[in-house]
Amino acid sequence: MATLKDVKTKIGAVKKTKQITKAMNMVAASKLRGAQSSMTGFRPYASKFAEVLGSLAQRGGNEANQLLAVREKISKISILLCTSDRGLCGGFNANLMLKAESLLKEKSKEDIKVSFECFGKKGRDWCRKKNLEIASEHVGVVGGRFGFNVAVKAGRKLIDRYLDNEYDEVYVIYSEFKSVAKQLPVIKKLLPIPPIEAAEKSKEAEKSFLAEHICEPSPSELLDEMLPRNVYVQIYSALLETSTSEHAARMAAMNNATKACNDMINSLTLAYNKARQASITADLMDIVGGAEALKG
């Protein structure tokens, strides 16, 4: 049985751990508000951008741009894996890596080579552990403050390699933020750009819209400018979603850890009181036994 000193030491250690988890919970909650604000502010732009691009793609056709054309043979693909730089966020990173592993197995069966573009230390370390090819790595982006230029820089490299036939397909794996309690890992194809459907409208509204829609310059020339930007928008949106999901997952994990600390403190306090009572009882028995022995 543990001594009083051992139990008291454990209680002190758990209380210090509780202070840390509570502080991390508050920090994550503060960062979540900022990240969620940026994410919700960008979603309408991404939605409207896809709507306009869908209208242009319908006019130009799939052969209007190399980024729309599907290649006949797929020999090598690139996966942009978005994870966090730090842990202590529950199963957040593990779920993303499971998603990446499932896609990796699927493509390996088809004898397709795979390389990774890693955003975050956890994804990079996972690729190194699995001895997977890493084309580039970006550390210190997800979970912090970053601008649209980060997505532009990464997107340009992917587009250049895709046009140089280094890759036949490009995918992005990220965590989609549903709520504070729910974040879903998602696989999305970046290149070739999948068919972009315009927003649902009534036939009369669509006809009136198309009648007034004058393209200057031509739809194909507009696609040359807007399709690469669509890749940047998708990457930036994935980074925002992943960053928000990371803070939400860490906040939930630290909240659960704080509750576990409270339960452990209560359990250890009960054990401490029992041990203290047993020690007092033993001392009383020794005193009573000594007194009886003197009487005898």
C-alpha atoms as a PDB file:
ATOM      1  CA  MET A   1       0.000   0.000   0.000  1.00  0.00           C
ATOM      2  CA  ALA A   2       1.248   3.486  -0.910  1.00  0.00           C
ATOM      3  CA  THR A   3       2.468   5.660   1.933  1.00  0.00           C
ATOM      4  CA  LEU A   4       0.907   8.988   2.850  1.00  0.00           C
ATOM      5  CA  LYS A   5       3.849  10.859   1.357  1.00  0.00           C
ATOM      6  CA  ASP A   6       3.579   9.014  -1.977  1.00  0.00           C
ATOM      7  CA  VAL A   7      -0.157   9.710  -2.288  1.00  0.00           C
ATOM      8  CA  LYS A   8       0.317  13.371  -1.355  1.00  0.00           C
ATOM      9  CA  THR A   9       3.064  13.708  -3.967  1.00  0.00           C
ATOM     10  CA  LYS A  10       0.785  12.210  -6.632  1.00  0.00           C
ATOM     11  CA  ILE A  11      -2.008  14.608  -5.717  1.00  0.00           C
ATOM     12  CA  GLY A  12       0.353  17.575  -6.093  1.00  0.00           C
ATOM     13  CA  ALA A  13       1.572  16.310  -9.479  1.00  0.00           C
ATOM     14  CA  VAL A  14      -1.965  15.822 -10.785  1.00  0.00           C
ATOM     15  CA  LYS A  15      -2.966  19.321  -9.629  1.00  0.00           C
ATOM     16  CA  LYS A  16      -0.044  20.816 -11.567  1.00  0.00           C
ATOM     17  CA  THR A  17      -1.056  18.801 -14.630  1.00  0.00           C
ATOM     18  CA  LYS A  18      -4.594  20.108 -14.248  1.00  0.00           C
ATOM     19  CA  GLN A  19      -3.317  23.693 -14.272  1.00  0.00           C
ATOM     20  CA  ILE A  20      -1.450  23.019 -17.514  1.00  0.00           C
ATOM     21  CA  THR A  21      -4.399  21.339 -19.269  1.00  0.00           C
ATOM     22  CA  LYS A  22      -6.771  24.084 -18.152  1.00  0.00           C
ATOM     23  CA  ALA A  23      -4.427  26.771 -19.460  1.00  0.00           C
ATOM     24  CA  MET A  24      -4.025  24.948 -22.792  1.00  0.00           C
ATOM     25  CA  ASN A  25      -7.801  24.649 -23.043  1.00  0.00           C
ATOM     26  CA  MET A  26      -8.183  28.407 -22.625  1.00  0.00           C
ATOM     27  CA  VAL A  27      -5.434  29.149 -25.168  1.00  0.00           C
ATOM     28  CA  ALA A  28      -7.001  26.773 -27.702  1.00  0.00           C
ATOM     29  CA  ALA A  29     -10.416  28.374 -27.178  1.00  0.00           C
ATOM     30  CA  SER A  30      -8.928  31.815 -27.797  1.00  0.00           C
ATOM     31  CA  LYS A  31      -7.143  30.693 -30.989  1.00  0.00           C
ATOM     32  CA  LEU A  32     -10.276  28.867 -32.146  1.00  0.00           C
ATOM     33  CA  ARG A  33     -12.300  32.084 -32.208  1.00  0.00           C
ATOM     34  CA  GLY A  34      -9.791  33.783 -34.504  1.00  0.00           C
ATOM     35  CA  ALA A  35      -9.334  30.785 -36.797  1.00  0.00           C
ATOM     36  CA  GLN A  36     -13.079  30.156 -37.033  1.00  0.00           C
ATOM     37  CA  SER A  37     -13.672  33.798 -37.916  1.00  0.00           C
ATOM     38  CA  SER A  38     -11.151  33.603 -40.792  1.00  0.00           C
ATOM     39  CA  MET A  39     -12.620  30.318 -42.017  1.00  0.00           C
ATOM     40  CA  THR A  40     -16.256  31.452 -42.017  1.00  0.00           C
ATOM     41  CA  GLY A  41     -15.248  34.708 -43.706  1.00  0.00           C
ATOM     42  CA  PHE A  42     -13.486  32.844 -46.533  1.00  0.00           C
ATOM     43  CA  ARG A  43     -16.188  30.237 -47.209  1.00  0.00           C
ATOM     44  CA  PRO A  44     -18.585  32.606 -49.088  1.00  0.00           C
ATOM     45  CA  TYR A  45     -15.722  33.772 -51.330  1.00  0.00           C
ATOM     46  CA  ALA A  46     -14.733  30.189 -52.167  1.00  0.00           C
ATOM     47  CA  SER A  47     -18.361  29.274 -52.865  1.00  0.00           C
ATOM     48  CA  LYS A  48     -18.969  32.246 -55.176  1.00  0.00           C
ATOM     49  CA  PHE A  49     -15.638  31.719 -56.906  1.00  0.00           C
ATOM     50  CA  ALA A  50     -16.599  28.109 -57.658  1.00  0.00           C
ATOM     51  CA  GLU A  51     -19.975  29.268 -58.973  1.00  0.00           C
ATOM     52  CA  VAL A  52     -18.466  31.730 -61.452  1.00  0.00           C
ATOM     53  CA  LEU A  53     -15.760  29.278 -62.473  1.00  0.00           C
ATOM     54  CA  GLY A  54     -18.395  26.594 -63.049  1.00  0.00           C
ATOM     55  CA  SER A  55     -20.250  28.881 -65.429  1.00  0.00           C
ATOM     56  CA  LEU A  56     -17.053  29.614 -67.372  1.00  0.00           C
ATOM     57  CA  ALA A  57     -16.085  25.936 -67.493  1.00  0.00           C
ATOM     58  CA  GLN A  58     -19.481  25.051 -68.979  1.00  0.00           C
ATOM     59  CA  ARG A  59     -18.913  27.567 -71.767  1.00  0.00           C
ATOM     60  CA  GLY A  60     -15.314  26.590 -72.471  1.00  0.00           C
ATOM     61  CA  GLY A  61     -15.589  22.804 -72.072  1.00  0.00           C
ATOM     62  CA  ASN A  62     -13.151  20.366 -70.433  1.00  0.00           C
ATOM     63  CA  GLU A  63     -10.637  20.702 -73.271  1.00  0.00           C
ATOM     64  CA  ALA A  64     -10.356  24.473 -72.856  1.00  0.00           C
ATOM     65  CA  ASN A  65      -7.478  24.164 -70.383  1.00  0.00           C
ATOM     66  CA  GLN A  66      -4.862  21.554 -69.442  1.00  0.00           C
ATOM     67  CA  LEU A  67      -5.904  21.770 -65.788  1.00  0.00           C
ATOM     68  CA  LEU A  68      -9.376  20.464 -66.697  1.00  0.00           C
ATOM     69  CA  ALA A  69      -8.390  17.614 -69.023  1.00  0.00           C
ATOM     70  CA  VAL A  70      -8.301  14.131 -67.473  1.00  0.00           C
ATOM     71  CA  ARG A  71      -5.235  12.095 -68.422  1.00  0.00           C
ATOM     72  CA  GLU A  72      -5.637   8.621 -69.797  1.00  0.00           C
ATOM     73  CA  LYS A  73      -2.844   6.967 -67.827  1.00  0.00           C
ATOM     74  CA  ILE A  74      -2.096   7.708 -64.169  1.00  0.00           C
ATOM     75  CA  SER A  75       1.438   6.762 -63.149  1.00  0.00           C
ATOM     76  CA  LYS A  76       2.292   9.165 -60.316  1.00  0.00           C
ATOM     77  CA  ILE A  77       0.232  11.316 -57.970  1.00  0.00           C
ATOM     78  CA  SER A  78       0.943  13.893 -55.288  1.00  0.00           C
ATOM     79  CA  ILE A  79      -0.880  14.117 -51.954  1.00  0.00           C
ATOM     80  CA  LEU A  80      -0.937  17.381 -50.029  1.00  0.00           C
ATOM     81  CA  LEU A  81      -1.288  16.241 -46.413  1.00  0.00           C
ATOM     82  CA  CYS A  82      -2.426  18.867 -43.886  1.00  0.00           C
ATOM     83  CA  THR A  83      -1.744  18.046 -40.216  1.00  0.00           C
ATOM     84  CA  SER A  84      -0.722  19.951 -37.099  1.00  0.00           C
ATOM     85  CA  ASP A  85       2.746  20.777 -35.824  1.00  0.00           C
ATOM     86  CA  ARG A  86       1.938  19.860 -32.222  1.00  0.00           C
ATOM     87  CA  GLY A  87       0.155  17.023 -30.491  1.00  0.00           C
ATOM     88  CA  LEU A  88      -2.195  16.959 -27.492  1.00  0.00           C
ATOM     89  CA  CYS A  89      -5.253  17.219 -29.758  1.00  0.00           C
ATOM     90  CA  GLY A  90      -6.777  13.765 -29.377  1.00  0.00           C
ATOM     91  CA  GLY A  91      -7.157  11.660 -32.516  1.00  0.00           C
ATOM     92  CA  PHE A  92      -6.986  14.675 -34.855  1.00  0.00           C
ATOM     93  CA  ASN A  93      -3.716  13.753 -36.585  1.00  0.00           C
ATOM     94  CA  ALA A  94      -4.309  10.011 -36.366  1.00  0.00           C
ATOM     95  CA  ASN A  95      -7.563  10.329 -38.334  1.00  0.00           C
ATOM     96  CA  LEU A  96      -5.846  12.333 -41.075  1.00  0.00           C
ATOM     97  CA  MET A  97      -3.023   9.796 -41.326  1.00  0.00           C
ATOM     98  CA  LEU A  98      -5.523   6.933 -41.551  1.00  0.00           C
ATOM     99  CA  LYS A  99      -7.195   8.747 -44.437  1.00  0.00           C
ATOM    100  CA  ALA A 100      -3.837   9.202 -46.150  1.00  0.00           C
ATOM    101  CA  GLU A 101      -2.933   5.555 -45.590  1.00  0.00           C
ATOM    102  CA  SER A 102      -6.223   4.373 -47.117  1.00  0.00           C
ATOM    103  CA  LEU A 103      -5.612   6.484 -50.241  1.00  0.00           C
ATOM    104  CA  LEU A 104      -2.008   5.274 -50.360  1.00  0.00           C
ATOM    105  CA  LYS A 105      -3.096   1.620 -50.269  1.00  0.00           C
ATOM    106  CA  GLU A 106      -5.720   2.235 -52.927  1.00  0.00           C
ATOM    107  CA  LYS A 107      -3.211   3.787 -55.324  1.00  0.00           C
ATOM    108  CA  SER A 108      -0.517   1.210 -54.535  1.00  0.00           C
ATOM    109  CA  LYS A 109      -2.836  -1.563 -55.730  1.00  0.00           C
ATOM    110  CA  GLU A 110      -3.020   0.213 -59.089  1.00  0.00           C
ATOM    111  CA  ASP A 111       0.804   0.417 -59.258  1.00  0.00           C
ATOM    112  CA  ILE A 112       0.784   4.207 -58.934  1.00  0.00           C
ATOM    113  CA  LYS A 113       3.709   6.049 -57.347  1.00  0.00           C
ATOM    114  CA  VAL A 114       2.849   8.516 -54.585  1.00  0.00           C
ATOM    115  CA  SER A 115       4.708  11.510 -53.191  1.00  0.00           C
ATOM    116  CA  PHE A 116       3.664  13.824 -50.363  1.00  0.00           C
ATOM    117  CA  GLU A 117       3.565  17.579 -49.822  1.00  0.00           C
ATOM    118  CA  CYS A 118       3.443  17.893 -46.029  1.00  0.00           C
ATOM    119  CA  PHE A 119       1.930  20.799 -44.103  1.00  0.00           C
ATOM    120  CA  GLY A 120       2.737  20.140 -40.429  1.00  0.00           C
ATOM    121  CA  LYS A 121       5.345  18.200 -38.450  1.00  0.00           C
ATOM    122  CA  LYS A 122       3.056  15.307 -37.600  1.00  0.00           C
ATOM    123  CA  GLY A 123       2.367  14.461 -41.228  1.00  0.00           C
ATOM    124  CA  ARG A 124       6.039  14.877 -42.130  1.00  0.00           C
ATOM    125  CA  ASP A 125       7.152  12.588 -39.290  1.00  0.00           C
ATOM    126  CA  TRP A 126       4.567  10.008 -40.332  1.00  0.00           C
ATOM    127  CA  CYS A 127       5.870  10.024 -43.914  1.00  0.00           C
ATOM    128  CA  ARG A 128       9.448   9.656 -42.694  1.00  0.00           C
ATOM    129  CA  LYS A 129       8.481   6.748 -40.462  1.00  0.00           C
ATOM    130  CA  LYS A 130       6.787   5.016 -43.408  1.00  0.00           C
ATOM    131  CA  ASN A 131       9.752   5.816 -45.721  1.00  0.00           C
ATOM    132  CA  LEU A 132       7.458   7.673 -48.125  1.00  0.00           C
ATOM    133  CA  GLU A 133       8.664  10.191 -50.681  1.00  0.00           C
ATOM    134  CA  ILE A 134       8.369  13.806 -49.464  1.00  0.00           C
ATOM    135  CA  ALA A 135       8.503  16.389 -52.257  1.00  0.00           C
ATOM    136  CA  SER A 136       8.351  19.366 -49.886  1.00  0.00           C
ATOM    137  CA  GLU A 137       7.470  20.200 -46.293  1.00  0.00           C
ATOM    138  CA  HIS A 138       5.929  23.276 -44.683  1.00  0.00           C
ATOM    139  CA  VAL A 139       6.341  23.613 -40.910  1.00  0.00           C
ATOM    140  CA  GLY A 140       4.856  26.307 -38.704  1.00  0.00           C
ATOM    141  CA  VAL A 141       1.862  27.090 -40.931  1.00  0.00           C
ATOM    142  CA  VAL A 142      -1.151  25.144 -39.655  1.00  0.00           C
ATOM    143  CA  GLY A 143      -2.275  26.302 -36.243  1.00  0.00           C
ATOM    144  CA  GLY A 144      -0.690  29.743 -36.554  1.00  0.00           C
ATOM    145  CA  ARG A 145      -1.273  32.864 -38.592  1.00  0.00           C
ATOM    146  CA  PHE A 146      -0.738  32.538 -42.335  1.00  0.00           C
ATOM    147  CA  GLY A 147      -1.805  34.406 -45.437  1.00  0.00           C
ATOM    148  CA  PHE A 148      -3.034  33.540 -48.899  1.00  0.00           C
ATOM    149  CA  ASN A 149       0.539  33.738 -50.197  1.00  0.00           C
ATOM    150  CA  VAL A 150       1.308  30.397 -48.509  1.00  0.00           C
ATOM    151  CA  ALA A 151      -1.322  28.682 -50.649  1.00  0.00           C
ATOM    152  CA  VAL A 152      -0.162  30.544 -53.776  1.00  0.00           C
ATOM    153  CA  LYS A 153       3.447  29.438 -53.287  1.00  0.00           C
ATOM    154  CA  ALA A 154       2.519  25.783 -52.744  1.00  0.00           C
ATOM    155  CA  GLY A 155      -0.095  25.827 -55.516  1.00  0.00           C
ATOM    156  CA  ARG A 156       2.279  27.219 -58.126  1.00  0.00           C
ATOM    157  CA  LYS A 157       4.790  24.447 -57.522  1.00  0.00           C
ATOM    158  CA  LEU A 158       2.070  21.797 -57.792  1.00  0.00           C
ATOM    159  CA  ILE A 159       0.682  23.287 -61.003  1.00  0.00           C
ATOM    160  CA  ASP A 160       4.141  23.576 -62.581  1.00  0.00           C
ATOM    161  CA  ARG A 161       4.961  19.966 -61.747  1.00  0.00           C
ATOM    162  CA  TYR A 162       1.569  18.852 -63.013  1.00  0.00           C
ATOM    163  CA  LEU A 163       2.027  20.680 -66.330  1.00  0.00           C
ATOM    164  CA  ASP A 164       5.551  19.216 -66.627  1.00  0.00           C
ATOM    165  CA  ASN A 165       3.963  15.734 -66.323  1.00  0.00           C
ATOM    166  CA  GLU A 166       5.702  15.007 -63.032  1.00  0.00           C
ATOM    167  CA  TYR A 167       2.264  14.314 -61.538  1.00  0.00           C
ATOM    168  CA  ASP A 168      -0.864  12.999 -63.199  1.00  0.00           C
ATOM    169  CA  GLU A 169      -3.172  13.763 -60.272  1.00  0.00           C
ATOM    170  CA  VAL A 170      -2.985  15.893 -57.134  1.00  0.00           C
ATOM    171  CA  TYR A 171      -5.057  15.342 -53.988  1.00  0.00           C
ATOM    172  CA  VAL A 172      -5.382  17.250 -50.727  1.00  0.00           C
ATOM    173  CA  ILE A 173      -6.197  15.627 -47.380  1.00  0.00           C
ATOM    174  CA  TYR A 174      -7.441  17.968 -44.663  1.00  0.00           C
ATOM    175  CA  SER A 175      -9.816  18.127 -41.710  1.00  0.00           C
ATOM    176  CA  GLU A 176     -13.183  19.746 -42.427  1.00  0.00           C
ATOM    177  CA  PHE A 177     -14.579  21.728 -39.508  1.00  0.00           C
ATOM    178  CA  LYS A 178     -18.188  20.790 -38.775  1.00  0.00           C
ATOM    179  CA  SER A 179     -18.473  21.913 -35.169  1.00  0.00           C
ATOM    180  CA  VAL A 180     -16.374  22.161 -32.021  1.00  0.00           C
ATOM    181  CA  ALA A 181     -17.130  18.510 -31.297  1.00  0.00           C
ATOM    182  CA  LYS A 182     -16.895  17.180 -34.880  1.00  0.00           C
ATOM    183  CA  GLN A 183     -14.084  17.407 -37.451  1.00  0.00           C
ATOM    184  CA  LEU A 184     -14.042  15.104 -40.468  1.00  0.00           C
ATOM    185  CA  PRO A 185     -10.952  14.096 -42.512  1.00  0.00           C
ATOM    186  CA  VAL A 186     -11.607  14.756 -46.215  1.00  0.00           C
ATOM    187  CA  ILE A 187      -9.911  13.757 -49.475  1.00  0.00           C
ATOM    188  CA  LYS A 188     -10.370  16.203 -52.351  1.00  0.00           C
ATOM    189  CA  LYS A 189      -8.921  16.123 -55.852  1.00  0.00           C
ATOM    190  CA  LEU A 190      -7.067  19.310 -56.818  1.00  0.00           C
ATOM    191  CA  LEU A 191      -5.707  18.409 -60.263  1.00  0.00           C
ATOM    192  CA  PRO A 192      -7.078  17.815 -62.784  1.00  0.00           C
ATOM    193  CA  ILE A 193      -9.762  20.182 -61.546  1.00  0.00           C
ATOM    194  CA  PRO A 194     -12.983  18.154 -61.208  1.00  0.00           C
ATOM    195  CA  PRO A 195     -16.196  19.430 -62.849  1.00  0.00           C
ATOM    196  CA  ILE A 196     -17.363  22.487 -60.952  1.00  0.00           C
ATOM    197  CA  GLU A 197     -21.120  22.680 -60.789  1.00  0.00           C
ATOM    198  CA  ALA A 198     -22.692  26.110 -60.700  1.00  0.00           C
ATOM    199  CA  ALA A 199     -25.131  26.926 -57.940  1.00  0.00           C
ATOM    200  CA  GLU A 200     -28.641  25.521 -58.413  1.00  0.00           C
ATOM    201  CA  LYS A 201     -30.990  28.037 -59.947  1.00  0.00           C
ATOM    202  CA  SER A 202     -34.357  28.001 -61.611  1.00  0.00           C
ATOM    203  CA  LYS A 203     -34.382  27.757 -65.399  1.00  0.00           C
ATOM    204  CA  GLU A 204     -35.732  31.269 -65.825  1.00  0.00           C
ATOM    205  CA  ALA A 205     -33.102  32.765 -63.498  1.00  0.00           C
ATOM    206  CA  GLU A 206     -30.350  30.793 -65.230  1.00  0.00           C
ATOM    207  CA  LYS A 207     -31.446  31.945 -68.677  1.00  0.00           C
ATOM    208  CA  SER A 208     -31.582  35.570 -67.608  1.00  0.00           C
ATOM    209  CA  PHE A 209     -28.152  35.238 -65.992  1.00  0.00           C
ATOM    210  CA  LEU A 210     -26.572  33.690 -69.084  1.00  0.00           C
ATOM    211  CA  ALA A 211     -28.157  36.257 -71.345  1.00  0.00           C
ATOM    212  CA  GLU A 212     -26.441  39.090 -69.471  1.00  0.00           C
ATOM    213  CA  HIS A 213     -23.166  37.210 -68.881  1.00  0.00           C
ATOM    214  CA  ILE A 214     -20.673  38.759 -71.293  1.00  0.00           C
ATOM    215  CA  CYS A 215     -17.134  37.363 -71.128  1.00  0.00           C
ATOM    216  CA  GLU A 216     -14.376  39.844 -71.796  1.00  0.00           C
ATOM    217  CA  PRO A 217     -11.939  38.392 -72.747  1.00  0.00           C
ATOM    218  CA  SER A 218     -13.109  34.946 -73.966  1.00  0.00           C
ATOM    219  CA  PRO A 219     -14.025  32.139 -71.497  1.00  0.00           C
ATOM    220  CA  SER A 220     -10.866  30.183 -72.385  1.00  0.00           C
ATOM    221  CA  GLU A 221      -8.633  33.172 -71.606  1.00  0.00           C
ATOM    222  CA  LEU A 222     -10.459  33.744 -68.320  1.00  0.00           C
ATOM    223  CA  LEU A 223     -10.014  30.077 -67.424  1.00  0.00           C
ATOM    224  CA  ASP A 224      -6.256  30.408 -67.931  1.00  0.00           C
ATOM    225  CA  GLU A 225      -6.240  33.008 -65.163  1.00  0.00           C
ATOM    226  CA  MET A 226      -8.919  31.633 -62.853  1.00  0.00           C
ATOM    227  CA  LEU A 227      -8.209  27.887 -62.839  1.00  0.00           C
ATOM    228  CA  PRO A 228      -4.787  28.254 -61.153  1.00  0.00           C
ATOM    229  CA  ARG A 229      -6.351  30.639 -58.668  1.00  0.00           C
ATOM    230  CA  ASN A 230      -8.993  28.007 -57.938  1.00  0.00           C
ATOM    231  CA  VAL A 231      -6.192  25.652 -56.873  1.00  0.00           C
ATOM    232  CA  TYR A 232      -4.835  28.350 -54.550  1.00  0.00           C
ATOM    233  CA  VAL A 233      -8.317  28.915 -53.113  1.00  0.00           C
ATOM    234  CA  GLN A 234      -8.802  25.189 -52.447  1.00  0.00           C
ATOM    235  CA  ILE A 235      -5.418  24.884 -50.711  1.00  0.00           C
ATOM    236  CA  TYR A 236      -6.007  27.987 -48.603  1.00  0.00           C
ATOM    237  CA  SER A 237      -9.491  26.770 -47.657  1.00  0.00           C
ATOM    238  CA  ALA A 238      -8.054  23.369 -46.644  1.00  0.00           C
ATOM    239  CA  LEU A 239      -5.428  25.051 -44.451  1.00  0.00           C
ATOM    240  CA  LEU A 240      -8.048  27.246 -42.773  1.00  0.00           C
ATOM    241  CA  GLU A 241     -10.320  24.270 -42.138  1.00  0.00           C
ATOM    242  CA  THR A 242      -7.457  22.194 -40.731  1.00  0.00           C
ATOM    243  CA  SER A 243      -6.226  25.014 -38.493  1.00  0.00           C
ATOM    244  CA  THR A 244      -9.703  25.579 -37.066  1.00  0.00           C
ATOM    245  CA  SER A 245     -10.231  21.847 -36.578  1.00  0.00           C
ATOM    246  CA  GLU A 246      -6.895  21.526 -34.755  1.00  0.00           C
ATOM    247  CA  HIS A 247      -7.804  24.197 -32.202  1.00  0.00           C
ATOM    248  CA  ALA A 248     -11.252  22.671 -31.678  1.00  0.00           C
ATOM    249  CA  ALA A 249      -9.776  19.177 -31.225  1.00  0.00           C
ATOM    250  CA  ARG A 250      -7.135  20.449 -28.775  1.00  0.00           C
ATOM    251  CA  MET A 251      -9.743  22.371 -26.785  1.00  0.00           C
ATOM    252  CA  ALA A 252     -11.900  19.255 -26.475  1.00  0.00           C
ATOM    253  CA  ALA A 253      -8.915  17.054 -25.601  1.00  0.00           C
ATOM    254  CA  MET A 254      -7.680  19.435 -22.906  1.00  0.00           C
ATOM    255  CA  ASN A 255     -11.197  19.759 -21.499  1.00  0.00           C
ATOM    256  CA  ASN A 256     -11.406  15.961 -21.201  1.00  0.00           C
ATOM    257  CA  ALA A 257      -7.925  15.881 -19.654  1.00  0.00           C
ATOM    258  CA  THR A 258      -8.948  18.468 -17.052  1.00  0.00           C
ATOM    259  CA  LYS A 259     -12.006  16.408 -16.142  1.00  0.00           C
ATOM    260  CA  ALA A 260      -9.826  13.299 -15.859  1.00  0.00           C
ATOM    261  CA  CYS A 261      -7.486  15.186 -13.523  1.00  0.00           C
ATOM    262  CA  ASN A 262     -10.426  16.140 -11.301  1.00  0.00           C
ATOM    263  CA  ASP A 263     -11.531  12.515 -11.123  1.00  0.00           C
ATOM    264  CA  MET A 264      -7.990  11.394 -10.334  1.00  0.00           C
ATOM    265  CA  ILE A 265      -7.611  14.026  -7.598  1.00  0.00           C
ATOM    266  CA  ASN A 266     -10.862  12.869  -5.985  1.00  0.00           C
ATOM    267  CA  SER A 267      -9.730   9.245  -6.155  1.00  0.00           C
ATOM    268  CA  LEU A 268      -6.282  10.016  -4.732  1.00  0.00           C
ATOM    269  CA  THR A 269      -7.781  12.199  -1.986  1.00  0.00           C
ATOM    270  CA  LEU A 270     -10.012   9.314  -0.970  1.00  0.00           C
ATOM    271  CA  ALA A 271      -7.018   6.969  -0.944  1.00  0.00           C
ATOM    272  CA  TYR A 272      -5.047   9.529   1.100  1.00  0.00           C
ATOM    273  CA  ASN A 273      -7.815   9.807   3.699  1.00  0.00           C
ATOM    274  CA  LYS A 274      -8.088   6.024   3.954  1.00  0.00           C
ATOM    275  CA  ALA A 275      -4.324   5.660   4.384  1.00  0.00           C
ATOM    276  CA  ARG A 276      -4.280   8.456   6.980  1.00  0.00           C
ATOM    277  CA  GLN A 277      -7.150   6.848   8.896  1.00  0.00           C
ATOM    278  CA  ALA A 278      -5.401   3.488   8.826  1.00  0.00           C
ATOM    279  CA  SER A 279      -2.200   5.107  10.107  1.00  0.00           C
ATOM    280  CA  ILE A 280      -4.051   6.820  12.968  1.00  0.00           C
ATOM    281  CA  THR A 281      -5.831   3.576  13.870  1.00  0.00           C
ATOM    282  CA  ALA A 282      -2.517   1.722  13.909  1.00  0.00           C
ATOM    283  CA  ASP A 283      -0.966   4.369  16.178  1.00  0.00           C
ATOM    284  CA  LEU A 284      -3.938   4.157  18.571  1.00  0.00           C
ATOM    285  CA  MET A 285      -3.665   0.375  18.676  1.00  0.00           C
ATOM    286  CA  ASP A 286       0.019   0.677  19.548  1.00  0.00           C
ATOM    287  CA  ILE A 287      -0.761   3.151  22.361  1.00  0.00           C
ATOM    288  CA  VAL A 288      -3.565   0.953  23.739  1.00  0.00           C
ATOM    289  CA  GLY A 289      -1.364  -2.111  23.511  1.00  0.00           C
ATOM    290  CA  GLY A 290       1.488  -0.345  25.284  1.00  0.00           C
ATOM    291  CA  ALA A 291      -0.858   0.866  28.048  1.00  0.00           C
ATOM    292  CA  GLU A 292      -2.224  -2.652  28.598  1.00  0.00           C
ATOM    293  CA  ALA A 293       1.294  -4.015  28.724  1.00  0.00           C
ATOM    294  CA  LEU A 294       2.263  -1.518  31.454  1.00  0.00           C
ATOM    295  CA  LYS A 295      -0.788  -2.476  33.479  1.00  0.00           C
ATOM    296  CA  GLY A 296       0.152  -6.105  33.269  1.00  0.00           C
END
